Amino acid sequence: MATHTGRDPLTRRLHSSCEYARELRRTARELRRTARELIEESHRLLDETHRLRRQRARSLKDR
């Protein structure tokens, strides 16, 4: 059996499992980055919403 060439089924399966695990880690990293960006954006939007509500309340009070 030529294990180093990846011809036997066990080695091929192991290699593809490692590739799959690598791909999963990469995808997980990308998802964490995206989640972080979405959380930051939601915080920014909440801050903006609060600022606009305060501004509107002030302008209604000044009438």
PDB file of N, CA and C in Angstrom:
ATOM      1  N   MET A   1       0.830  -1.209   0.000  1.00  0.00           N
ATOM      2  CA  MET A   1       0.000   0.000   0.000  1.00  0.00           C
ATOM      3  C   MET A   1       0.869   1.266   0.000  1.00  0.00           C
ATOM      4  N   ALA A   2       0.586   2.159  -0.840  1.00  0.00           N
ATOM      5  CA  ALA A   2       1.367   3.394  -0.930  1.00  0.00           C
ATOM      6  C   ALA A   2       0.659   4.493  -0.158  1.00  0.00           C
ATOM      7  N   THR A   3       0.879   4.497   1.146  1.00  0.00           N
ATOM      8  CA  THR A   3       0.144   5.448   2.002  1.00  0.00           C
ATOM      9  C   THR A   3       0.539   6.892   1.744  1.00  0.00           C
ATOM     10  N   HIS A   4       1.818   7.148   1.457  1.00  0.00           N
ATOM     11  CA  HIS A   4       2.255   8.528   1.287  1.00  0.00           C
ATOM     12  C   HIS A   4       1.679   9.175   0.028  1.00  0.00           C
ATOM     13  N   THR A   5       1.226   8.379  -0.917  1.00  0.00           N
ATOM     14  CA  THR A   5       0.654   8.969  -2.132  1.00  0.00           C
ATOM     15  C   THR A   5      -0.825   9.261  -1.967  1.00  0.00           C
ATOM     16  N   GLY A   6      -1.420   8.761  -0.879  1.00  0.00           N
ATOM     17  CA  GLY A   6      -2.838   9.014  -0.663  1.00  0.00           C
ATOM     18  C   GLY A   6      -3.732   8.091  -1.459  1.00  0.00           C
ATOM     19  N   ARG A   7      -3.156   6.994  -1.953  1.00  0.00           N
ATOM     20  CA  ARG A   7      -3.969   6.079  -2.759  1.00  0.00           C
ATOM     21  C   ARG A   7      -4.864   5.195  -1.918  1.00  0.00           C
ATOM     22  N   ASP A   8      -4.404   4.853  -0.701  1.00  0.00           N
ATOM     23  CA  ASP A   8      -5.264   3.970   0.092  1.00  0.00           C
ATOM     24  C   ASP A   8      -6.406   4.775   0.691  1.00  0.00           C
ATOM     25  N   PRO A   9      -7.559   4.155   0.830  1.00  0.00           N
ATOM     26  CA  PRO A   9      -8.783   4.865   1.268  1.00  0.00           C
ATOM     27  C   PRO A   9      -8.641   5.551   2.632  1.00  0.00           C
ATOM     28  N   LEU A  10      -7.943   4.921   3.564  1.00  0.00           N
ATOM     29  CA  LEU A  10      -7.820   5.499   4.906  1.00  0.00           C
ATOM     30  C   LEU A  10      -7.051   6.826   4.857  1.00  0.00           C
ATOM     31  N   THR A  11      -5.932   6.836   4.145  1.00  0.00           N
ATOM     32  CA  THR A  11      -5.137   8.065   4.025  1.00  0.00           C
ATOM     33  C   THR A  11      -5.916   9.138   3.294  1.00  0.00           C
ATOM     34  N   ARG A  12      -6.622   8.748   2.243  1.00  0.00           N
ATOM     35  CA  ARG A  12      -7.419   9.712   1.486  1.00  0.00           C
ATOM     36  C   ARG A  12      -8.500  10.312   2.376  1.00  0.00           C
ATOM     37  N   ARG A  13      -9.146   9.455   3.167  1.00  0.00           N
ATOM     38  CA  ARG A  13     -10.196   9.931   4.068  1.00  0.00           C
ATOM     39  C   ARG A  13      -9.631  10.873   5.122  1.00  0.00           C
ATOM     40  N   LEU A  14      -8.471  10.506   5.669  1.00  0.00           N
ATOM     41  CA  LEU A  14      -7.831  11.343   6.678  1.00  0.00           C
ATOM     42  C   LEU A  14      -7.460  12.708   6.094  1.00  0.00           C
ATOM     43  N   HIS A  15      -6.889  12.686   4.898  1.00  0.00           N
ATOM     44  CA  HIS A  15      -6.504  13.930   4.237  1.00  0.00           C
ATOM     45  C   HIS A  15      -7.725  14.814   4.003  1.00  0.00           C
ATOM     46  N   SER A  16      -8.807  14.216   3.497  1.00  0.00           N
ATOM     47  CA  SER A  16      -9.989  15.035   3.223  1.00  0.00           C
ATOM     48  C   SER A  16     -10.628  15.519   4.525  1.00  0.00           C
ATOM     49  N   SER A  17     -10.511  14.751   5.609  1.00  0.00           N
ATOM     50  CA  SER A  17     -11.014  15.207   6.908  1.00  0.00           C
ATOM     51  C   SER A  17     -10.237  16.418   7.387  1.00  0.00           C
ATOM     52  N   CYS A  18      -8.915  16.395   7.195  1.00  0.00           N
ATOM     53  CA  CYS A  18      -8.079  17.535   7.596  1.00  0.00           C
ATOM     54  C   CYS A  18      -8.427  18.761   6.763  1.00  0.00           C
ATOM     55  N   GLU A  19      -8.617  18.561   5.470  1.00  0.00           N
ATOM     56  CA  GLU A  19      -9.005  19.669   4.597  1.00  0.00           C
ATOM     57  C   GLU A  19     -10.347  20.241   5.037  1.00  0.00           C
ATOM     58  N   TYR A  20     -11.273  19.352   5.349  1.00  0.00           N
ATOM     59  CA  TYR A  20     -12.602  19.763   5.786  1.00  0.00           C
ATOM     60  C   TYR A  20     -12.514  20.553   7.089  1.00  0.00           C
ATOM     61  N   ALA A  21     -11.701  20.070   8.041  1.00  0.00           N
ATOM     62  CA  ALA A  21     -11.538  20.765   9.321  1.00  0.00           C
ATOM     63  C   ALA A  21     -10.926  22.153   9.099  1.00  0.00           C
ATOM     64  N   ARG A  22      -9.945  22.228   8.198  1.00  0.00           N
ATOM     65  CA  ARG A  22      -9.320  23.521   7.881  1.00  0.00           C
ATOM     66  C   ARG A  22     -10.356  24.487   7.310  1.00  0.00           C
ATOM     67  N   GLU A  23     -11.176  23.977   6.411  1.00  0.00           N
ATOM     68  CA  GLU A  23     -12.223  24.795   5.791  1.00  0.00           C
ATOM     69  C   GLU A  23     -13.235  25.265   6.840  1.00  0.00           C
ATOM     70  N   LEU A  24     -13.597  24.373   7.762  1.00  0.00           N
ATOM     71  CA  LEU A  24     -14.532  24.754   8.832  1.00  0.00           C
ATOM     72  C   LEU A  24     -13.949  25.852   9.715  1.00  0.00           C
ATOM     73  N   ARG A  25     -12.664  25.728  10.047  1.00  0.00           N
ATOM     74  CA  ARG A  25     -12.029  26.773  10.867  1.00  0.00           C
ATOM     75  C   ARG A  25     -12.015  28.105  10.141  1.00  0.00           C
ATOM     76  N   ARG A  26     -11.713  28.069   8.842  1.00  0.00           N
ATOM     77  CA  ARG A  26     -11.691  29.305   8.050  1.00  0.00           C
ATOM     78  C   ARG A  26     -13.089  29.938   8.020  1.00  0.00           C
ATOM     79  N   THR A  27     -14.100  29.112   7.791  1.00  0.00           N
ATOM     80  CA  THR A  27     -15.475  29.604   7.756  1.00  0.00           C
ATOM     81  C   THR A  27     -15.882  30.177   9.113  1.00  0.00           C
ATOM     82  N   ALA A  28     -15.500  29.499  10.186  1.00  0.00           N
ATOM     83  CA  ALA A  28     -15.824  29.985  11.535  1.00  0.00           C
ATOM     84  C   ALA A  28     -15.177  31.348  11.772  1.00  0.00           C
ATOM     85  N   ARG A  29     -13.925  31.501  11.326  1.00  0.00           N
ATOM     86  CA  ARG A  29     -13.226  32.789  11.468  1.00  0.00           C
ATOM     87  C   ARG A  29     -13.973  33.888  10.731  1.00  0.00           C
ATOM     88  N   GLU A  30     -14.394  33.583   9.505  1.00  0.00           N
ATOM     89  CA  GLU A  30     -15.134  34.573   8.713  1.00  0.00           C
ATOM     90  C   GLU A  30     -16.461  34.932   9.368  1.00  0.00           C
ATOM     91  N   LEU A  31     -17.147  33.925   9.917  1.00  0.00           N
ATOM     92  CA  LEU A  31     -18.429  34.185  10.575  1.00  0.00           C
ATOM     93  C   LEU A  31     -18.244  35.048  11.823  1.00  0.00           C
ATOM     94  N   ARG A  32     -17.186  34.776  12.587  1.00  0.00           N
ATOM     95  CA  ARG A  32     -16.923  35.606  13.775  1.00  0.00           C
ATOM     96  C   ARG A  32     -16.636  37.045  13.374  1.00  0.00           C
ATOM     97  N   ARG A  33     -15.870  37.221  12.302  1.00  0.00           N
ATOM     98  CA  ARG A  33     -15.555  38.577  11.824  1.00  0.00           C
ATOM     99  C   ARG A  33     -16.842  39.284  11.397  1.00  0.00           C
ATOM    100  N   THR A  34     -17.678  38.591  10.648  1.00  0.00           N
ATOM    101  CA  THR A  34     -18.942  39.174  10.192  1.00  0.00           C
ATOM    102  C   THR A  34     -19.841  39.516  11.371  1.00  0.00           C
ATOM    103  N   ALA A  35     -19.908  38.620  12.349  1.00  0.00           N
ATOM    104  CA  ALA A  35     -20.733  38.870  13.537  1.00  0.00           C
ATOM    105  C   ALA A  35     -20.242  40.117  14.269  1.00  0.00           C
ATOM    106  N   ARG A  36     -18.922  40.241  14.409  1.00  0.00           N
ATOM    107  CA  ARG A  36     -18.342  41.406  15.067  1.00  0.00           C
ATOM    108  C   ARG A  36     -18.720  42.682  14.331  1.00  0.00           C
ATOM    109  N   GLU A  37     -18.617  42.641  13.004  1.00  0.00           N
ATOM    110  CA  GLU A  37     -18.961  43.828  12.205  1.00  0.00           C
ATOM    111  C   GLU A  37     -20.440  44.182  12.356  1.00  0.00           C
ATOM    112  N   LEU A  38     -21.305  43.162  12.360  1.00  0.00           N
ATOM    113  CA  LEU A  38     -22.741  43.425  12.511  1.00  0.00           C
ATOM    114  C   LEU A  38     -23.067  43.998  13.884  1.00  0.00           C
ATOM    115  N   ILE A  39     -22.406  43.495  14.915  1.00  0.00           N
ATOM    116  CA  ILE A  39     -22.634  44.014  16.269  1.00  0.00           C
ATOM    117  C   ILE A  39     -22.194  45.470  16.355  1.00  0.00           C
ATOM    118  N   GLU A  40     -21.014  45.770  15.794  1.00  0.00           N
ATOM    119  CA  GLU A  40     -20.541  47.159  15.802  1.00  0.00           C
ATOM    120  C   GLU A  40     -21.509  48.076  15.062  1.00  0.00           C
ATOM    121  N   GLU A  41     -22.002  47.607  13.921  1.00  0.00           N
ATOM    122  CA  GLU A  41     -22.956  48.412  13.135  1.00  0.00           C
ATOM    123  C   GLU A  41     -24.260  48.621  13.905  1.00  0.00           C
ATOM    124  N   SER A  42     -24.745  47.575  14.570  1.00  0.00           N
ATOM    125  CA  SER A  42     -25.996  47.721  15.328  1.00  0.00           C
ATOM    126  C   SER A  42     -25.810  48.713  16.475  1.00  0.00           C
ATOM    127  N   HIS A  43     -24.634  48.696  17.122  1.00  0.00           N
ATOM    128  CA  HIS A  43     -24.367  49.672  18.186  1.00  0.00           C
ATOM    129  C   HIS A  43     -24.341  51.090  17.628  1.00  0.00           C
ATOM    130  N   ARG A  44     -23.715  51.244  16.471  1.00  0.00           N
ATOM    131  CA  ARG A  44     -23.654  52.562  15.835  1.00  0.00           C
ATOM    132  C   ARG A  44     -25.065  53.056  15.512  1.00  0.00           C
ATOM    133  N   LEU A  45     -25.898  52.167  14.977  1.00  0.00           N
ATOM    134  CA  LEU A  45     -27.269  52.554  14.627  1.00  0.00           C
ATOM    135  C   LEU A  45     -28.103  52.881  15.866  1.00  0.00           C
ATOM    136  N   LEU A  46     -27.897  52.124  16.933  1.00  0.00           N
ATOM    137  CA  LEU A  46     -28.614  52.425  18.183  1.00  0.00           C
ATOM    138  C   LEU A  46     -28.216  53.793  18.718  1.00  0.00           C
ATOM    139  N   ASP A  47     -26.921  54.077  18.704  1.00  0.00           N
ATOM    140  CA  ASP A  47     -26.445  55.392  19.160  1.00  0.00           C
ATOM    141  C   ASP A  47     -27.071  56.504  18.327  1.00  0.00           C
ATOM    142  N   GLU A  48     -27.098  56.301  17.023  1.00  0.00           N
ATOM    143  CA  GLU A  48     -27.685  57.303  16.116  1.00  0.00           C
ATOM    144  C   GLU A  48     -29.181  57.474  16.395  1.00  0.00           C
ATOM    145  N   THR A  49     -29.874  56.377  16.621  1.00  0.00           N
ATOM    146  CA  THR A  49     -31.310  56.433  16.925  1.00  0.00           C
ATOM    147  C   THR A  49     -31.553  57.231  18.202  1.00  0.00           C
ATOM    148  N   HIS A  50     -30.757  56.944  19.243  1.00  0.00           N
ATOM    149  CA  HIS A  50     -30.916  57.674  20.507  1.00  0.00           C
ATOM    150  C   HIS A  50     -30.631  59.159  20.320  1.00  0.00           C
ATOM    151  N   ARG A  51     -29.597  59.475  19.553  1.00  0.00           N
ATOM    152  CA  ARG A  51     -29.255  60.874  19.295  1.00  0.00           C
ATOM    153  C   ARG A  51     -30.415  61.587  18.591  1.00  0.00           C
ATOM    154  N   LEU A  52     -30.985  60.924  17.581  1.00  0.00           N
ATOM    155  CA  LEU A  52     -32.097  61.537  16.836  1.00  0.00           C
ATOM    156  C   LEU A  52     -33.344  61.697  17.696  1.00  0.00           C
ATOM    157  N   ARG A  53     -33.599  60.717  18.568  1.00  0.00           N
ATOM    158  CA  ARG A  53     -34.768  60.836  19.455  1.00  0.00           C
ATOM    159  C   ARG A  53     -34.615  61.992  20.422  1.00  0.00           C
ATOM    160  N   ARG A  54     -33.407  62.145  20.981  1.00  0.00           N
ATOM    161  CA  ARG A  54     -33.157  63.279  21.892  1.00  0.00           C
ATOM    162  C   ARG A  54     -33.318  64.598  21.157  1.00  0.00           C
ATOM    163  N   GLN A  55     -32.779  64.648  19.953  1.00  0.00           N
ATOM    164  CA  GLN A  55     -32.863  65.867  19.136  1.00  0.00           C
ATOM    165  C   GLN A  55     -34.324  66.205  18.835  1.00  0.00           C
ATOM    166  N   ARG A  56     -35.111  65.193  18.488  1.00  0.00           N
ATOM    167  CA  ARG A  56     -36.525  65.407  18.180  1.00  0.00           C
ATOM    168  C   ARG A  56     -37.294  65.861  19.416  1.00  0.00           C
ATOM    169  N   ALA A  57     -36.997  65.220  20.557  1.00  0.00           N
ATOM    170  CA  ALA A  57     -37.670  65.599  21.807  1.00  0.00           C
ATOM    171  C   ALA A  57     -37.360  67.062  22.151  1.00  0.00           C
ATOM    172  N   ARG A  58     -36.097  67.466  21.955  1.00  0.00           N
ATOM    173  CA  ARG A  58     -35.716  68.862  22.221  1.00  0.00           C
ATOM    174  C   ARG A  58     -36.462  69.818  21.306  1.00  0.00           C
ATOM    175  N   SER A  59     -36.533  69.449  20.018  1.00  0.00           N
ATOM    176  CA  SER A  59     -37.191  70.371  19.081  1.00  0.00           C
ATOM    177  C   SER A  59     -38.698  70.437  19.343  1.00  0.00           C
ATOM    178  N   LEU A  60     -39.312  69.356  19.788  1.00  0.00           N
ATOM    179  CA  LEU A  60     -40.738  69.386  20.121  1.00  0.00           C
ATOM    180  C   LEU A  60     -40.970  70.226  21.382  1.00  0.00           C
ATOM    181  N   LYS A  61     -40.029  70.130  22.327  1.00  0.00           N
ATOM    182  CA  LYS A  61     -40.145  70.889  23.567  1.00  0.00           C
ATOM    183  C   LYS A  61     -39.983  72.386  23.312  1.00  0.00           C
ATOM    184  N   ASP A  62     -39.157  72.734  22.348  1.00  0.00           N
ATOM    185  CA  ASP A  62     -38.883  74.149  22.043  1.00  0.00           C
ATOM    186  C   ASP A  62     -40.017  74.840  21.288  1.00  0.00           C
ATOM    187  N   ARG A  63     -40.981  74.098  20.836  1.00  0.00           N
ATOM    188  CA  ARG A  63     -42.074  74.717  20.063  1.00  0.00           C
ATOM    189  C   ARG A  63     -42.907  75.656  20.896  1.00  0.00           C
TER     190      ARG A  63
END
